[in-house]
């Protein structure tokens, strides 16, 4: 017998695969299981690609940032803030000149803050509106152009608060705020 007699064309499959005597493909796994595994491998590849892309993107965006820590808000932080104040905005714009030679012109509008439960103080501020306006005008007129600069606003506000509180009878104001403040030549 020669080698050719043992093989026939019927024993060889379409792509060179050997067929078993019953006509099925011979192999370790059936074809439908191979197709399922192929799609699972493709899906797994997409998941790995997506995770890798996300990790690389996050690292690029976070590069150069120092360790930022998120600080929680404690009950002490919340209670340390004072309640909002009530403001009196009825004082009209105040214009005057500075103590310089030649004098500069200033213009300001102020708000006066007080505790909301101090209704008598609100009535007194309304009654003394012209007097408070005059205190502010006279005080700012004693200052030079340089002393009315933005770096001195906090000091000016504190001194104005003290000057106004000296004439108040029914309570003390808490703060004086500048709504606008302009100094020109």
C-alpha atoms as a PDB file:
ATOM      1  CA  UNK A   1       0.000   0.000   0.000  1.00  0.00           C
ATOM      2  CA  UNK A   2       1.189   3.375  -0.793  1.00  0.00           C
ATOM      3  CA  UNK A   3       0.610   6.597   1.040  1.00  0.00           C
ATOM      4  CA  UNK A   4      -1.924   7.759  -1.481  1.00  0.00           C
ATOM      5  CA  UNK A   5      -4.293   4.887  -0.992  1.00  0.00           C
ATOM      6  CA  UNK A   6      -5.036   5.744   2.649  1.00  0.00           C
ATOM      7  CA  UNK A   7      -6.182   9.303   1.874  1.00  0.00           C
ATOM      8  CA  UNK A   8      -9.114  10.301  -0.187  1.00  0.00           C
ATOM      9  CA  UNK A   9     -10.554  13.742  -1.021  1.00  0.00           C
ATOM     10  CA  UNK A  10     -13.604  13.014   1.063  1.00  0.00           C
ATOM     11  CA  UNK A  11     -11.539  12.902   4.217  1.00  0.00           C
ATOM     12  CA  UNK A  12     -10.229  16.487   3.736  1.00  0.00           C
ATOM     13  CA  UNK A  13     -12.464  19.506   4.579  1.00  0.00           C
ATOM     14  CA  UNK A  14     -12.901  22.768   2.666  1.00  0.00           C
ATOM     15  CA  UNK A  15      -9.962  24.627   4.162  1.00  0.00           C
ATOM     16  CA  UNK A  16      -7.743  21.692   4.723  1.00  0.00           C
ATOM     17  CA  UNK A  17      -9.378  20.591   7.932  1.00  0.00           C
ATOM     18  CA  UNK A  18      -9.809  16.920   8.470  1.00  0.00           C
ATOM     19  CA  UNK A  19     -13.330  15.662   8.821  1.00  0.00           C
ATOM     20  CA  UNK A  20     -14.307  12.888  11.122  1.00  0.00           C
ATOM     21  CA  UNK A  21     -16.037   9.849   9.629  1.00  0.00           C
ATOM     22  CA  UNK A  22     -19.448  11.290  10.566  1.00  0.00           C
ATOM     23  CA  UNK A  23     -18.803  14.494   8.501  1.00  0.00           C
ATOM     24  CA  UNK A  24     -18.187  16.907  11.369  1.00  0.00           C
ATOM     25  CA  UNK A  25     -15.086  19.000  11.896  1.00  0.00           C
ATOM     26  CA  UNK A  26     -12.600  17.323  14.060  1.00  0.00           C
ATOM     27  CA  UNK A  27     -10.961  19.595  16.628  1.00  0.00           C
ATOM     28  CA  UNK A  28     -10.781  20.601  20.227  1.00  0.00           C
ATOM     29  CA  UNK A  29     -13.698  23.122  20.274  1.00  0.00           C
ATOM     30  CA  UNK A  30     -16.854  23.346  18.179  1.00  0.00           C
ATOM     31  CA  UNK A  31     -17.150  26.286  15.744  1.00  0.00           C
ATOM     32  CA  UNK A  32     -19.950  28.136  17.602  1.00  0.00           C
ATOM     33  CA  UNK A  33     -17.857  28.163  20.773  1.00  0.00           C
ATOM     34  CA  UNK A  34     -14.934  29.586  18.813  1.00  0.00           C
ATOM     35  CA  UNK A  35     -17.168  32.382  17.454  1.00  0.00           C
ATOM     36  CA  UNK A  36     -18.413  33.242  20.945  1.00  0.00           C
ATOM     37  CA  UNK A  37     -14.862  33.348  22.294  1.00  0.00           C
ATOM     38  CA  UNK A  38     -13.823  35.555  19.366  1.00  0.00           C
ATOM     39  CA  UNK A  39     -16.533  38.159  20.209  1.00  0.00           C
ATOM     40  CA  UNK A  40     -15.720  37.989  23.908  1.00  0.00           C
ATOM     41  CA  UNK A  41     -12.049  38.689  23.079  1.00  0.00           C
ATOM     42  CA  UNK A  42     -13.041  41.668  20.884  1.00  0.00           C
ATOM     43  CA  UNK A  43     -15.265  43.086  23.661  1.00  0.00           C
ATOM     44  CA  UNK A  44     -12.544  42.591  26.237  1.00  0.00           C
ATOM     45  CA  UNK A  45     -10.104  44.389  23.946  1.00  0.00           C
ATOM     46  CA  UNK A  46     -12.447  47.410  23.712  1.00  0.00           C
ATOM     47  CA  UNK A  47     -12.826  47.506  27.506  1.00  0.00           C
ATOM     48  CA  UNK A  48      -9.046  47.412  27.989  1.00  0.00           C
ATOM     49  CA  UNK A  49      -8.622  50.144  25.370  1.00  0.00           C
ATOM     50  CA  UNK A  50     -11.239  52.354  27.085  1.00  0.00           C
ATOM     51  CA  UNK A  51      -9.729  51.916  30.554  1.00  0.00           C
ATOM     52  CA  UNK A  52      -6.224  52.621  29.256  1.00  0.00           C
ATOM     53  CA  UNK A  53      -7.409  55.762  27.473  1.00  0.00           C
ATOM     54  CA  UNK A  54      -9.185  56.993  30.606  1.00  0.00           C
ATOM     55  CA  UNK A  55      -6.182  56.396  32.859  1.00  0.00           C
ATOM     56  CA  UNK A  56      -3.807  58.160  30.459  1.00  0.00           C
ATOM     57  CA  UNK A  57      -6.193  61.126  30.067  1.00  0.00           C
ATOM     58  CA  UNK A  58      -6.625  61.543  33.833  1.00  0.00           C
ATOM     59  CA  UNK A  59      -2.873  61.415  34.394  1.00  0.00           C
ATOM     60  CA  UNK A  60      -2.293  64.041  31.710  1.00  0.00           C
ATOM     61  CA  UNK A  61      -4.857  66.402  33.255  1.00  0.00           C
ATOM     62  CA  UNK A  62      -3.539  65.874  36.785  1.00  0.00           C
ATOM     63  CA  UNK A  63       0.097  66.261  35.778  1.00  0.00           C
ATOM     64  CA  UNK A  64       1.738  69.171  37.557  1.00  0.00           C
ATOM     65  CA  UNK A  65      -1.000  69.549  40.149  1.00  0.00           C
ATOM     66  CA  UNK A  66       0.148  69.289  43.673  1.00  0.00           C
ATOM     67  CA  UNK A  67      -1.790  67.184  46.108  1.00  0.00           C
ATOM     68  CA  UNK A  68      -4.928  69.184  46.612  1.00  0.00           C
ATOM     69  CA  UNK A  69      -6.870  68.220  49.642  1.00  0.00           C
ATOM     70  CA  UNK A  70     -10.544  68.781  50.105  1.00  0.00           C
ATOM     71  CA  UNK A  71     -11.276  70.269  53.466  1.00  0.00           C
ATOM     72  CA  UNK A  72     -14.582  69.403  55.001  1.00  0.00           C
ATOM     73  CA  UNK A  73     -16.799  71.984  56.644  1.00  0.00           C
ATOM     74  CA  UNK A  74     -17.016  71.557  60.365  1.00  0.00           C
ATOM     75  CA  UNK A  75     -19.869  72.844  62.544  1.00  0.00           C
ATOM     76  CA  UNK A  76     -17.422  75.358  64.072  1.00  0.00           C
ATOM     77  CA  UNK A  77     -16.799  76.869  60.628  1.00  0.00           C
ATOM     78  CA  UNK A  78     -20.500  77.309  60.047  1.00  0.00           C
ATOM     79  CA  UNK A  79     -21.243  78.885  63.400  1.00  0.00           C
ATOM     80  CA  UNK A  80     -18.207  81.213  63.312  1.00  0.00           C
ATOM     81  CA  UNK A  81     -19.735  83.349  60.581  1.00  0.00           C
ATOM     82  CA  UNK A  82     -21.819  86.229  61.869  1.00  0.00           C
ATOM     83  CA  UNK A  83     -25.376  86.572  60.671  1.00  0.00           C
ATOM     84  CA  UNK A  84     -25.992  89.061  57.834  1.00  0.00           C
ATOM     85  CA  UNK A  85     -26.420  92.682  58.746  1.00  0.00           C
ATOM     86  CA  UNK A  86     -29.145  95.149  57.877  1.00  0.00           C
ATOM     87  CA  UNK A  87     -27.879  98.078  55.794  1.00  0.00           C
ATOM     88  CA  UNK A  88     -29.051 101.658  55.598  1.00  0.00           C
ATOM     89  CA  UNK A  89     -28.471 103.010  52.088  1.00  0.00           C
ATOM     90  CA  UNK A  90     -30.423 106.259  52.506  1.00  0.00           C
ATOM     91  CA  UNK A  91     -27.334 108.482  52.788  1.00  0.00           C
ATOM     92  CA  UNK A  92     -26.960 110.316  49.515  1.00  0.00           C
ATOM     93  CA  UNK A  93     -23.769 110.683  47.507  1.00  0.00           C
ATOM     94  CA  UNK A  94     -21.185 112.758  49.348  1.00  0.00           C
ATOM     95  CA  UNK A  95     -18.893 115.064  47.353  1.00  0.00           C
ATOM     96  CA  UNK A  96     -16.090 117.182  48.696  1.00  0.00           C
ATOM     97  CA  UNK A  97     -12.504 118.288  48.281  1.00  0.00           C
ATOM     98  CA  UNK A  98      -9.344 116.914  49.873  1.00  0.00           C
ATOM     99  CA  UNK A  99      -6.852 118.777  52.072  1.00  0.00           C
ATOM    100  CA  UNK A 100      -4.262 118.864  49.238  1.00  0.00           C
ATOM    101  CA  UNK A 101      -2.968 122.004  47.535  1.00  0.00           C
ATOM    102  CA  UNK A 102      -4.463 122.103  44.887  1.00  0.00           C
ATOM    103  CA  UNK A 103      -7.354 120.063  46.245  1.00  0.00           C
ATOM    104  CA  UNK A 104      -8.657 116.908  44.592  1.00  0.00           C
ATOM    105  CA  UNK A 105     -12.359 116.143  44.375  1.00  0.00           C
ATOM    106  CA  UNK A 106     -13.807 113.022  45.989  1.00  0.00           C
ATOM    107  CA  UNK A 107     -17.186 111.394  45.627  1.00  0.00           C
ATOM    108  CA  UNK A 108     -18.511 108.487  47.683  1.00  0.00           C
ATOM    109  CA  UNK A 109     -21.654 106.590  48.558  1.00  0.00           C
ATOM    110  CA  UNK A 110     -21.754 104.612  51.797  1.00  0.00           C
ATOM    111  CA  UNK A 111     -23.893 101.927  53.393  1.00  0.00           C
ATOM    112  CA  UNK A 112     -24.152 101.667  57.165  1.00  0.00           C
ATOM    113  CA  UNK A 113     -24.514  98.179  58.609  1.00  0.00           C
ATOM    114  CA  UNK A 114     -26.232  97.330  61.901  1.00  0.00           C
ATOM    115  CA  UNK A 115     -27.732  94.287  63.619  1.00  0.00           C
ATOM    116  CA  UNK A 116     -31.162  93.387  62.157  1.00  0.00           C
ATOM    117  CA  UNK A 117     -32.846  93.265  65.578  1.00  0.00           C
ATOM    118  CA  UNK A 118     -31.881  96.891  66.351  1.00  0.00           C
ATOM    119  CA  UNK A 119     -35.001  98.662  65.061  1.00  0.00           C
ATOM    120  CA  UNK A 120     -34.430 101.715  67.276  1.00  0.00           C
ATOM    121  CA  UNK A 121     -30.988 102.149  65.688  1.00  0.00           C
ATOM    122  CA  UNK A 122     -32.592 102.087  62.230  1.00  0.00           C
ATOM    123  CA  UNK A 123     -34.983 104.885  63.262  1.00  0.00           C
ATOM    124  CA  UNK A 124     -32.113 106.889  64.761  1.00  0.00           C
ATOM    125  CA  UNK A 125     -30.042 106.514  61.565  1.00  0.00           C
ATOM    126  CA  UNK A 126     -32.960 107.871  59.559  1.00  0.00           C
ATOM    127  CA  UNK A 127     -33.374 110.782  61.972  1.00  0.00           C
ATOM    128  CA  UNK A 128     -29.627 111.559  61.952  1.00  0.00           C
ATOM    129  CA  UNK A 129     -29.119 111.047  58.208  1.00  0.00           C
ATOM    130  CA  UNK A 130     -27.925 114.613  57.550  1.00  0.00           C
ATOM    131  CA  UNK A 131     -25.700 114.612  60.636  1.00  0.00           C
ATOM    132  CA  UNK A 132     -24.051 111.308  59.589  1.00  0.00           C
ATOM    133  CA  UNK A 133     -23.593 112.631  56.066  1.00  0.00           C
ATOM    134  CA  UNK A 134     -21.876 115.721  57.475  1.00  0.00           C
ATOM    135  CA  UNK A 135     -19.580 113.602  59.705  1.00  0.00           C
ATOM    136  CA  UNK A 136     -18.448 111.630  56.640  1.00  0.00           C
ATOM    137  CA  UNK A 137     -17.915 114.797  54.567  1.00  0.00           C
ATOM    138  CA  UNK A 138     -15.887 116.560  57.267  1.00  0.00           C
ATOM    139  CA  UNK A 139     -13.802 113.478  58.019  1.00  0.00           C
ATOM    140  CA  UNK A 140     -12.907 112.751  54.375  1.00  0.00           C
ATOM    141  CA  UNK A 141     -12.169 116.444  53.719  1.00  0.00           C
ATOM    142  CA  UNK A 142      -9.318 116.323  56.271  1.00  0.00           C
ATOM    143  CA  UNK A 143      -7.526 113.636  54.239  1.00  0.00           C
ATOM    144  CA  UNK A 144      -5.144 114.102  51.326  1.00  0.00           C
ATOM    145  CA  UNK A 145      -5.494 112.454  47.934  1.00  0.00           C
ATOM    146  CA  UNK A 146      -2.927 109.796  48.888  1.00  0.00           C
ATOM    147  CA  UNK A 147      -4.732 109.026  52.162  1.00  0.00           C
ATOM    148  CA  UNK A 148      -7.944 108.324  50.218  1.00  0.00           C
ATOM    149  CA  UNK A 149      -6.325 105.590  48.079  1.00  0.00           C
ATOM    150  CA  UNK A 150      -7.709 102.035  47.910  1.00  0.00           C
ATOM    151  CA  UNK A 151      -5.000 100.709  50.238  1.00  0.00           C
ATOM    152  CA  UNK A 152      -6.488 102.883  53.021  1.00  0.00           C
ATOM    153  CA  UNK A 153     -10.177 101.953  52.570  1.00  0.00           C
ATOM    154  CA  UNK A 154     -10.296  99.553  55.541  1.00  0.00           C
ATOM    155  CA  UNK A 155      -8.777 102.165  57.862  1.00  0.00           C
ATOM    156  CA  UNK A 156     -11.140 104.860  56.581  1.00  0.00           C
ATOM    157  CA  UNK A 157     -14.155 102.606  57.137  1.00  0.00           C
ATOM    158  CA  UNK A 158     -13.098 101.766  60.708  1.00  0.00           C
ATOM    159  CA  UNK A 159     -12.481 105.423  61.583  1.00  0.00           C
ATOM    160  CA  UNK A 160     -15.803 106.495  60.058  1.00  0.00           C
ATOM    161  CA  UNK A 161     -17.588 103.784  62.061  1.00  0.00           C
ATOM    162  CA  UNK A 162     -16.027 105.096  65.294  1.00  0.00           C
ATOM    163  CA  UNK A 163     -16.896 108.713  64.429  1.00  0.00           C
ATOM    164  CA  UNK A 164     -20.549 107.842  63.685  1.00  0.00           C
ATOM    165  CA  UNK A 165     -20.874 105.661  66.807  1.00  0.00           C
ATOM    166  CA  UNK A 166     -19.856 108.657  68.967  1.00  0.00           C
ATOM    167  CA  UNK A 167     -23.119 110.452  68.094  1.00  0.00           C
ATOM    168  CA  UNK A 168     -25.450 107.432  68.227  1.00  0.00           C
ATOM    169  CA  UNK A 169     -27.625 107.046  71.316  1.00  0.00           C
ATOM    170  CA  UNK A 170     -29.776 103.952  70.654  1.00  0.00           C
ATOM    171  CA  UNK A 171     -27.014 101.539  69.698  1.00  0.00           C
ATOM    172  CA  UNK A 172     -23.834 101.095  67.729  1.00  0.00           C
ATOM    173  CA  UNK A 173     -23.394 100.530  64.029  1.00  0.00           C
ATOM    174  CA  UNK A 174     -21.309  97.496  63.030  1.00  0.00           C
ATOM    175  CA  UNK A 175     -19.682  98.689  59.820  1.00  0.00           C
ATOM    176  CA  UNK A 176     -19.444 101.357  57.159  1.00  0.00           C
ATOM    177  CA  UNK A 177     -19.110 100.152  53.567  1.00  0.00           C
ATOM    178  CA  UNK A 178     -18.117 102.154  50.514  1.00  0.00           C
ATOM    179  CA  UNK A 179     -20.452 101.390  47.622  1.00  0.00           C
ATOM    180  CA  UNK A 180     -18.263 103.547  45.386  1.00  0.00           C
ATOM    181  CA  UNK A 181     -15.374 105.898  46.046  1.00  0.00           C
ATOM    182  CA  UNK A 182     -13.770 108.156  43.417  1.00  0.00           C
ATOM    183  CA  UNK A 183     -10.985 110.715  43.804  1.00  0.00           C
ATOM    184  CA  UNK A 184     -10.172 112.960  40.828  1.00  0.00           C
ATOM    185  CA  UNK A 185      -7.912 115.953  40.240  1.00  0.00           C
END
